[in-house]
C-alpha atoms as a PDB file:
ATOM      1  CA  MET A   1     -50.332  33.347 -62.118  1.00  0.00           C
ATOM      2  CA  SER A   2     -49.763  36.031 -59.505  1.00  0.00           C
ATOM      3  CA  VAL A   3     -48.633  39.444 -60.733  1.00  0.00           C
ATOM      4  CA  LEU A   4     -46.444  39.748 -57.627  1.00  0.00           C
ATOM      5  CA  ARG A   5     -45.291  36.851 -55.457  1.00  0.00           C
ATOM      6  CA  VAL A   6     -43.190  37.309 -52.329  1.00  0.00           C
ATOM      7  CA  SER A   7     -41.820  34.142 -50.742  1.00  0.00           C
ATOM      8  CA  HIS A   8     -40.214  33.893 -47.276  1.00  0.00           C
ATOM      9  CA  LEU A   9     -38.586  37.334 -47.437  1.00  0.00           C
ATOM     10  CA  VAL A  10     -36.147  38.151 -44.633  1.00  0.00           C
ATOM     11  CA  LYS A  11     -34.275  41.398 -43.932  1.00  0.00           C
ATOM     12  CA  ARG A  12     -32.032  41.940 -40.904  1.00  0.00           C
ATOM     13  CA  PHE A  13     -30.405  45.077 -39.569  1.00  0.00           C
ATOM     14  CA  GLY A  14     -27.950  43.782 -37.017  1.00  0.00           C
ATOM     15  CA  GLY A  15     -30.022  41.999 -34.381  1.00  0.00           C
ATOM     16  CA  LEU A  16     -33.309  43.462 -35.665  1.00  0.00           C
ATOM     17  CA  ILE A  17     -35.375  41.319 -38.027  1.00  0.00           C
ATOM     18  CA  ALA A  18     -37.283  43.953 -40.015  1.00  0.00           C
ATOM     19  CA  THR A  19     -38.864  41.467 -42.431  1.00  0.00           C
ATOM     20  CA  ASP A  20     -39.464  38.076 -40.855  1.00  0.00           C
ATOM     21  CA  ASP A  21     -40.331  35.292 -43.327  1.00  0.00           C
ATOM     22  CA  VAL A  22     -42.893  37.391 -45.245  1.00  0.00           C
ATOM     23  CA  SER A  23     -44.910  35.711 -47.982  1.00  0.00           C
ATOM     24  CA  LEU A  24     -47.767  37.341 -49.915  1.00  0.00           C
ATOM     25  CA  THR A  25     -49.195  37.624 -53.412  1.00  0.00           C
ATOM     26  CA  VAL A  26     -51.010  40.208 -55.497  1.00  0.00           C
ATOM     27  CA  GLU A  27     -53.347  38.740 -58.101  1.00  0.00           C
ATOM     28  CA  GLU A  28     -54.775  40.162 -61.306  1.00  0.00           C
ATOM     29  CA  GLY A  29     -57.697  42.486 -60.562  1.00  0.00           C
ATOM     30  CA  GLU A  30     -56.791  42.762 -56.882  1.00  0.00           C
ATOM     31  CA  ILE A  31     -56.163  45.666 -54.548  1.00  0.00           C
ATOM     32  CA  HIS A  32     -54.187  44.014 -51.759  1.00  0.00           C
ATOM     33  CA  ALA A  33     -53.773  46.320 -48.754  1.00  0.00           C
ATOM     34  CA  LEU A  34     -50.834  45.985 -46.374  1.00  0.00           C
ATOM     35  CA  ILE A  35     -51.497  47.484 -42.952  1.00  0.00           C
ATOM     36  CA  GLY A  36     -49.721  47.503 -39.618  1.00  0.00           C
ATOM     37  CA  PRO A  37     -48.684  49.728 -36.717  1.00  0.00           C
ATOM     38  CA  ASN A  38     -45.801  52.189 -37.023  1.00  0.00           C
ATOM     39  CA  GLY A  39     -42.504  50.320 -37.033  1.00  0.00           C
ATOM     40  CA  ALA A  40     -44.067  47.117 -38.348  1.00  0.00           C
ATOM     41  CA  GLY A  41     -41.659  46.950 -41.283  1.00  0.00           C
ATOM     42  CA  LYS A  42     -43.951  48.073 -44.095  1.00  0.00           C
ATOM     43  CA  SER A  43     -41.493  50.526 -45.671  1.00  0.00           C
ATOM     44  CA  THR A  44     -38.661  48.008 -45.405  1.00  0.00           C
ATOM     45  CA  LEU A  45     -40.793  45.434 -47.212  1.00  0.00           C
ATOM     46  CA  ILE A  46     -41.808  47.862 -49.970  1.00  0.00           C
ATOM     47  CA  ASN A  47     -38.177  48.893 -50.487  1.00  0.00           C
ATOM     48  CA  GLN A  48     -37.259  45.245 -50.997  1.00  0.00           C
ATOM     49  CA  LEU A  49     -40.051  44.770 -53.513  1.00  0.00           C
ATOM     50  CA  CYS A  50     -38.861  47.816 -55.453  1.00  0.00           C
ATOM     51  CA  GLY A  51     -35.198  46.803 -55.398  1.00  0.00           C
ATOM     52  CA  GLU A  52     -33.947  49.587 -53.141  1.00  0.00           C
ATOM     53  CA  LEU A  53     -33.029  47.057 -50.443  1.00  0.00           C
ATOM     54  CA  ALA A  54     -31.645  43.565 -51.027  1.00  0.00           C
ATOM     55  CA  PRO A  55     -33.239  40.866 -48.855  1.00  0.00           C
ATOM     56  CA  ASP A  56     -31.081  38.521 -46.799  1.00  0.00           C
ATOM     57  CA  ALA A  57     -33.261  35.596 -47.811  1.00  0.00           C
ATOM     58  CA  GLY A  58     -36.373  34.887 -49.826  1.00  0.00           C
ATOM     59  CA  ARG A  59     -37.618  35.571 -53.334  1.00  0.00           C
ATOM     60  CA  VAL A  60     -39.570  38.272 -55.199  1.00  0.00           C
ATOM     61  CA  GLU A  61     -41.293  37.377 -58.473  1.00  0.00           C
ATOM     62  CA  LEU A  62     -42.920  39.784 -60.918  1.00  0.00           C
ATOM     63  CA  ALA A  63     -45.281  38.164 -63.429  1.00  0.00           C
ATOM     64  CA  GLY A  64     -43.591  34.822 -62.842  1.00  0.00           C
ATOM     65  CA  ARG A  65     -40.004  36.085 -63.212  1.00  0.00           C
ATOM     66  CA  ASP A  66     -37.509  36.146 -60.365  1.00  0.00           C
ATOM     67  CA  VAL A  67     -36.519  39.796 -59.777  1.00  0.00           C
ATOM     68  CA  THR A  68     -34.969  39.349 -56.317  1.00  0.00           C
ATOM     69  CA  ARG A  69     -31.529  40.547 -57.409  1.00  0.00           C
ATOM     70  CA  LEU A  70     -32.588  42.983 -60.126  1.00  0.00           C
ATOM     71  CA  SER A  71     -32.104  46.764 -59.882  1.00  0.00           C
ATOM     72  CA  VAL A  72     -34.849  49.357 -59.471  1.00  0.00           C
ATOM     73  CA  PRO A  73     -34.716  50.393 -63.182  1.00  0.00           C
ATOM     74  CA  ALA A  74     -34.887  46.758 -64.287  1.00  0.00           C
ATOM     75  CA  ARG A  75     -38.004  46.168 -62.197  1.00  0.00           C
ATOM     76  CA  VAL A  76     -39.603  49.361 -63.504  1.00  0.00           C
ATOM     77  CA  ALA A  77     -38.878  48.240 -67.067  1.00  0.00           C
ATOM     78  CA  MET A  78     -40.655  44.952 -66.270  1.00  0.00           C
ATOM     79  CA  GLY A  79     -43.772  46.810 -65.150  1.00  0.00           C
ATOM     80  CA  LEU A  80     -43.365  47.693 -61.484  1.00  0.00           C
ATOM     81  CA  GLY A  81     -44.821  51.130 -60.687  1.00  0.00           C
ATOM     82  CA  ARG A  82     -44.576  52.977 -57.388  1.00  0.00           C
ATOM     83  CA  THR A  83     -45.776  56.079 -55.580  1.00  0.00           C
ATOM     84  CA  PHE A  84     -44.165  57.432 -52.411  1.00  0.00           C
ATOM     85  CA  GLN A  85     -45.197  58.813 -49.007  1.00  0.00           C
ATOM     86  CA  VAL A  86     -43.403  62.026 -50.026  1.00  0.00           C
ATOM     87  CA  THR A  87     -44.052  62.835 -53.669  1.00  0.00           C
ATOM     88  CA  SER A  88     -41.119  62.562 -56.073  1.00  0.00           C
ATOM     89  CA  LEU A  89     -41.740  64.915 -59.015  1.00  0.00           C
ATOM     90  CA  LEU A  90     -39.873  67.502 -61.120  1.00  0.00           C
ATOM     91  CA  GLU A  91     -40.684  70.711 -59.257  1.00  0.00           C
ATOM     92  CA  ASP A  92     -39.985  73.191 -62.062  1.00  0.00           C
ATOM     93  CA  ALA A  93     -41.866  71.249 -64.735  1.00  0.00           C
ATOM     94  CA  THR A  94     -45.603  71.413 -65.384  1.00  0.00           C
ATOM     95  CA  CYS A  95     -48.051  68.627 -64.639  1.00  0.00           C
ATOM     96  CA  ARG A  96     -48.255  67.874 -68.345  1.00  0.00           C
ATOM     97  CA  ALA A  97     -44.470  67.780 -68.769  1.00  0.00           C
ATOM     98  CA  ASN A  98     -44.010  65.442 -65.784  1.00  0.00           C
ATOM     99  CA  ILE A  99     -46.420  62.967 -67.340  1.00  0.00           C
ATOM    100  CA  ALA A 100     -44.941  63.368 -70.843  1.00  0.00           C
ATOM    101  CA  MET A 101     -41.459  62.642 -69.518  1.00  0.00           C
ATOM    102  CA  ALA A 102     -42.764  59.485 -67.842  1.00  0.00           C
ATOM    103  CA  VAL A 103     -44.225  58.417 -71.192  1.00  0.00           C
ATOM    104  CA  GLN A 104     -40.941  58.998 -72.994  1.00  0.00           C
ATOM    105  CA  ALA A 105     -39.047  57.092 -70.290  1.00  0.00           C
ATOM    106  CA  ARG A 106     -41.358  54.134 -70.899  1.00  0.00           C
ATOM    107  CA  GLU A 107     -40.620  54.341 -74.632  1.00  0.00           C
ATOM    108  CA  GLY A 108     -36.866  54.716 -74.115  1.00  0.00           C
ATOM    109  CA  LEU A 109     -36.685  58.082 -75.886  1.00  0.00           C
ATOM    110  CA  ASN A 110     -34.449  61.041 -75.111  1.00  0.00           C
ATOM    111  CA  PHE A 111     -36.343  64.139 -74.000  1.00  0.00           C
ATOM    112  CA  ARG A 112     -34.612  67.429 -74.760  1.00  0.00           C
ATOM    113  CA  ILE A 113     -36.219  70.810 -74.227  1.00  0.00           C
ATOM    114  CA  TRP A 114     -34.929  72.014 -77.624  1.00  0.00           C
ATOM    115  CA  ASP A 115     -36.682  69.239 -79.542  1.00  0.00           C
ATOM    116  CA  ARG A 116     -39.367  70.558 -81.860  1.00  0.00           C
ATOM    117  CA  ILE A 117     -42.720  69.940 -80.169  1.00  0.00           C
ATOM    118  CA  VAL A 118     -44.189  68.384 -83.317  1.00  0.00           C
ATOM    119  CA  ALA A 119     -41.522  65.665 -83.165  1.00  0.00           C
ATOM    120  CA  ARG A 120     -42.749  64.677 -79.709  1.00  0.00           C
ATOM    121  CA  GLN A 121     -46.471  65.304 -80.178  1.00  0.00           C
ATOM    122  CA  HIS A 122     -47.400  61.716 -79.305  1.00  0.00           C
ATOM    123  CA  LEU A 123     -45.899  62.231 -75.829  1.00  0.00           C
ATOM    124  CA  TRP A 124     -48.125  65.213 -75.184  1.00  0.00           C
ATOM    125  CA  ASP A 125     -51.137  63.393 -76.629  1.00  0.00           C
ATOM    126  CA  GLN A 126     -50.658  60.543 -74.168  1.00  0.00           C
ATOM    127  CA  ALA A 127     -50.143  62.998 -71.300  1.00  0.00           C
ATOM    128  CA  ASP A 128     -53.359  64.785 -72.225  1.00  0.00           C
ATOM    129  CA  ALA A 129     -55.235  61.484 -72.400  1.00  0.00           C
ATOM    130  CA  LEU A 130     -54.135  60.633 -68.845  1.00  0.00           C
ATOM    131  CA  LEU A 131     -55.085  64.088 -67.591  1.00  0.00           C
ATOM    132  CA  ALA A 132     -58.505  64.056 -69.261  1.00  0.00           C
ATOM    133  CA  GLY A 133     -61.368  63.748 -66.799  1.00  0.00           C
ATOM    134  CA  THR A 134     -59.149  64.166 -63.730  1.00  0.00           C
ATOM    135  CA  ALA A 135     -59.072  67.010 -61.226  1.00  0.00           C
ATOM    136  CA  LEU A 136     -55.747  68.096 -62.762  1.00  0.00           C
ATOM    137  CA  ALA A 137     -57.108  68.550 -66.282  1.00  0.00           C
ATOM    138  CA  GLU A 138     -57.468  72.293 -65.753  1.00  0.00           C
ATOM    139  CA  ARG A 139     -54.085  72.512 -64.004  1.00  0.00           C
ATOM    140  CA  SER A 140     -51.968  70.819 -66.662  1.00  0.00           C
ATOM    141  CA  ALA A 141     -49.865  73.936 -67.344  1.00  0.00           C
ATOM    142  CA  VAL A 142     -49.164  74.621 -63.649  1.00  0.00           C
ATOM    143  CA  ALA A 143     -45.675  73.882 -62.312  1.00  0.00           C
ATOM    144  CA  VAL A 144     -45.438  71.189 -59.642  1.00  0.00           C
ATOM    145  CA  GLN A 145     -44.006  73.685 -57.162  1.00  0.00           C
ATOM    146  CA  ASP A 146     -47.320  75.582 -57.329  1.00  0.00           C
ATOM    147  CA  LEU A 147     -49.552  72.571 -56.704  1.00  0.00           C
ATOM    148  CA  SER A 148     -51.241  71.728 -53.428  1.00  0.00           C
ATOM    149  CA  HIS A 149     -50.210  68.585 -51.540  1.00  0.00           C
ATOM    150  CA  GLY A 150     -53.314  66.768 -52.735  1.00  0.00           C
ATOM    151  CA  GLU A 151     -52.684  67.742 -56.339  1.00  0.00           C
ATOM    152  CA  ARG A 152     -49.120  66.451 -56.098  1.00  0.00           C
ATOM    153  CA  LYS A 153     -50.439  63.096 -54.883  1.00  0.00           C
ATOM    154  CA  GLN A 154     -52.822  62.923 -57.830  1.00  0.00           C
ATOM    155  CA  LEU A 155     -50.067  63.849 -60.274  1.00  0.00           C
ATOM    156  CA  GLU A 156     -47.687  61.236 -58.890  1.00  0.00           C
ATOM    157  CA  LEU A 157     -50.329  58.584 -59.544  1.00  0.00           C
ATOM    158  CA  LEU A 158     -50.723  59.794 -63.154  1.00  0.00           C
ATOM    159  CA  VAL A 159     -46.935  59.760 -63.628  1.00  0.00           C
ATOM    160  CA  ALA A 160     -46.850  56.164 -62.384  1.00  0.00           C
ATOM    161  CA  LEU A 161     -49.704  55.212 -64.721  1.00  0.00           C
ATOM    162  CA  ALA A 162     -47.923  56.846 -67.678  1.00  0.00           C
ATOM    163  CA  ARG A 163     -45.438  53.966 -67.589  1.00  0.00           C
ATOM    164  CA  LYS A 164     -48.285  51.449 -68.026  1.00  0.00           C
ATOM    165  CA  PRO A 165     -47.266  49.309 -65.041  1.00  0.00           C
ATOM    166  CA  ARG A 166     -48.237  45.664 -64.580  1.00  0.00           C
ATOM    167  CA  ILE A 167     -48.662  46.403 -60.871  1.00  0.00           C
ATOM    168  CA  LEU A 168     -48.640  49.499 -58.660  1.00  0.00           C
ATOM    169  CA  LEU A 169     -47.074  49.743 -55.208  1.00  0.00           C
ATOM    170  CA  LEU A 170     -48.761  52.634 -53.444  1.00  0.00           C
ATOM    171  CA  ASP A 171     -47.015  53.914 -50.314  1.00  0.00           C
ATOM    172  CA  GLU A 172     -49.577  55.821 -48.215  1.00  0.00           C
ATOM    173  CA  PRO A 173     -51.376  57.688 -51.027  1.00  0.00           C
ATOM    174  CA  MET A 174     -53.738  59.260 -48.448  1.00  0.00           C
ATOM    175  CA  ALA A 175     -50.953  60.753 -46.306  1.00  0.00           C
ATOM    176  CA  GLY A 176     -51.575  64.441 -45.635  1.00  0.00           C
ATOM    177  CA  LEU A 177     -54.853  64.605 -47.551  1.00  0.00           C
ATOM    178  CA  GLY A 178     -57.964  66.314 -46.208  1.00  0.00           C
ATOM    179  CA  HIS A 179     -61.334  64.552 -46.168  1.00  0.00           C
ATOM    180  CA  VAL A 180     -62.484  65.780 -49.576  1.00  0.00           C
ATOM    181  CA  GLU A 181     -59.116  65.010 -51.180  1.00  0.00           C
ATOM    182  CA  SER A 182     -59.121  61.548 -49.596  1.00  0.00           C
ATOM    183  CA  GLN A 183     -62.544  60.794 -51.025  1.00  0.00           C
ATOM    184  CA  GLU A 184     -61.384  61.938 -54.459  1.00  0.00           C
ATOM    185  CA  MET A 185     -58.297  59.742 -54.194  1.00  0.00           C
ATOM    186  CA  ILE A 186     -60.362  56.718 -53.128  1.00  0.00           C
ATOM    187  CA  THR A 187     -62.590  57.196 -56.180  1.00  0.00           C
ATOM    188  CA  ARG A 188     -59.573  57.502 -58.455  1.00  0.00           C
ATOM    189  CA  LEU A 189     -57.794  54.470 -56.998  1.00  0.00           C
ATOM    190  CA  ARG A 190     -60.950  52.389 -57.361  1.00  0.00           C
ATOM    191  CA  GLU A 191     -61.041  53.315 -61.063  1.00  0.00           C
ATOM    192  CA  VAL A 192     -57.344  52.527 -61.523  1.00  0.00           C
ATOM    193  CA  GLY A 193     -57.648  49.285 -59.569  1.00  0.00           C
ATOM    194  CA  ALA A 194     -60.221  48.009 -62.036  1.00  0.00           C
ATOM    195  CA  GLN A 195     -57.408  47.918 -64.634  1.00  0.00           C
ATOM    196  CA  THR A 196     -54.157  47.632 -62.668  1.00  0.00           C
ATOM    197  CA  PRO A 197     -53.516  45.411 -59.622  1.00  0.00           C
ATOM    198  CA  MET A 198     -52.143  47.185 -56.554  1.00  0.00           C
ATOM    199  CA  LEU A 199     -50.323  46.601 -53.305  1.00  0.00           C
ATOM    200  CA  LEU A 200     -51.596  49.416 -51.109  1.00  0.00           C
ATOM    201  CA  VAL A 201     -49.696  50.420 -47.959  1.00  0.00           C
ATOM    202  CA  GLU A 202     -51.972  52.713 -45.981  1.00  0.00           C
ATOM    203  CA  HIS A 203     -52.783  53.912 -42.446  1.00  0.00           C
ATOM    204  CA  ASP A 204     -56.184  55.368 -43.390  1.00  0.00           C
ATOM    205  CA  MET A 205     -58.466  52.477 -42.512  1.00  0.00           C
ATOM    206  CA  GLU A 206     -61.491  54.094 -44.130  1.00  0.00           C
ATOM    207  CA  ALA A 207     -59.592  54.036 -47.426  1.00  0.00           C
ATOM    208  CA  VAL A 208     -58.333  50.487 -46.848  1.00  0.00           C
ATOM    209  CA  PHE A 209     -61.812  49.130 -46.147  1.00  0.00           C
ATOM    210  CA  ALA A 210     -63.266  51.030 -49.118  1.00  0.00           C
ATOM    211  CA  LEU A 211     -60.664  49.767 -51.590  1.00  0.00           C
ATOM    212  CA  ALA A 212     -59.159  46.455 -50.538  1.00  0.00           C
ATOM    213  CA  THR A 213     -60.200  43.106 -51.947  1.00  0.00           C
ATOM    214  CA  ARG A 214     -57.724  41.486 -49.538  1.00  0.00           C
ATOM    215  CA  ILE A 215     -55.782  42.760 -46.511  1.00  0.00           C
ATOM    216  CA  SER A 216     -52.542  41.523 -44.932  1.00  0.00           C
ATOM    217  CA  VAL A 217     -51.463  42.709 -41.484  1.00  0.00           C
ATOM    218  CA  LEU A 218     -47.752  43.163 -40.746  1.00  0.00           C
ATOM    219  CA  VAL A 219     -46.594  43.355 -37.113  1.00  0.00           C
ATOM    220  CA  TYR A 220     -42.931  43.310 -36.030  1.00  0.00           C
ATOM    221  CA  GLY A 221     -41.957  42.195 -39.506  1.00  0.00           C
ATOM    222  CA  ARG A 222     -44.356  39.222 -39.694  1.00  0.00           C
ATOM    223  CA  ILE A 223     -47.671  38.758 -41.482  1.00  0.00           C
ATOM    224  CA  ILE A 224     -50.047  37.837 -38.647  1.00  0.00           C
ATOM    225  CA  ALA A 225     -53.255  37.709 -40.698  1.00  0.00           C
ATOM    226  CA  SER A 226     -54.447  37.871 -44.283  1.00  0.00           C
ATOM    227  CA  GLY A 227     -57.975  37.805 -45.613  1.00  0.00           C
ATOM    228  CA  SER A 228     -61.040  39.776 -46.627  1.00  0.00           C
ATOM    229  CA  VAL A 229     -62.108  43.035 -45.017  1.00  0.00           C
ATOM    230  CA  GLU A 230     -64.606  41.107 -42.900  1.00  0.00           C
ATOM    231  CA  ASP A 231     -61.957  38.593 -41.810  1.00  0.00           C
ATOM    232  CA  ILE A 232     -59.550  41.324 -40.710  1.00  0.00           C
ATOM    233  CA  ARG A 233     -62.207  43.320 -38.891  1.00  0.00           C
ATOM    234  CA  ALA A 234     -63.178  40.258 -36.867  1.00  0.00           C
ATOM    235  CA  ASN A 235     -59.650  38.988 -36.142  1.00  0.00           C
ATOM    236  CA  PRO A 236     -58.838  39.310 -32.396  1.00  0.00           C
ATOM    237  CA  GLU A 237     -55.073  39.118 -33.005  1.00  0.00           C
ATOM    238  CA  VAL A 238     -55.296  42.096 -35.353  1.00  0.00           C
ATOM    239  CA  ARG A 239     -57.282  44.081 -32.803  1.00  0.00           C
ATOM    240  CA  GLU A 240     -54.703  43.302 -30.141  1.00  0.00           C
ATOM    241  CA  ALA A 241     -51.859  44.332 -32.480  1.00  0.00           C
ATOM    242  CA  TYR A 242     -53.471  47.735 -32.891  1.00  0.00           C
ATOM    243  CA  LEU A 243     -53.302  48.173 -29.081  1.00  0.00           C
ATOM    244  CA  GLY A 244     -56.997  48.622 -28.524  1.00  0.00           C
ATOM    245  CA  ALA A 245     -57.607  50.963 -31.443  1.00  0.00           C
ATOM    246  CA  GLU A 246     -60.753  48.990 -32.219  1.00  0.00           C
ATOM    247  CA  ASP A 247     -62.633  51.975 -33.609  1.00  0.00           C
ATOM    248  CA  GLU A 248     -60.289  51.905 -36.607  1.00  0.00           C
ATOM    249  CA  LEU A 249     -61.341  48.352 -37.389  1.00  0.00           C
ATOM    250  CA  CYS A 250     -65.096  48.825 -37.018  1.00  0.00           C
END
């Protein structure tokens, strides 16, 4: 059974068809990359999968259950995790507190700053376990507002993982990262992908080719190709869709 199944999804904005009969799946153990030129409809598709946009037609299933008309919180509760192009974190809180609050949200607990810390120790323990061995381990007490862009990206991934998702939707996790940070993120995503299936939306083709077990190409709202890294690299229609940017696909 697919963790995520999208069937014949359509989204129109007036005369523009932003999502045109899109079907795809994400399987257990898979990192499925979604690529395409700017304006291809990738963000519109992701927003439909998350519940932020309602499709005009089609179906979205999560672990075999129809979630097409469910809200964002309902999908999150069922195991859908997401990161964003622009990080969405609590600026005044520390790295550790951001993760702990994600843990408590998963458990359905109230989190009040006046609670005695001993009463919530298990939240901090789980936050520390997620931080252990990461580049943020030594930055756990630093407020988000004082983190670098790359550190924010890493923290957002940990916050998403704190909810123990069935699947992760990653919206351009490499955006704005330098070379060293990108390599660190690739290593981290490979580790996470061994445990949690992903749909990865990304422009960085080096990262896509390093991570993806399968790639789908979206152009003008339609999936024009889907297959292995080798299949996509060799596909002439994909090369044409990227307007001659063949170096990216080599």
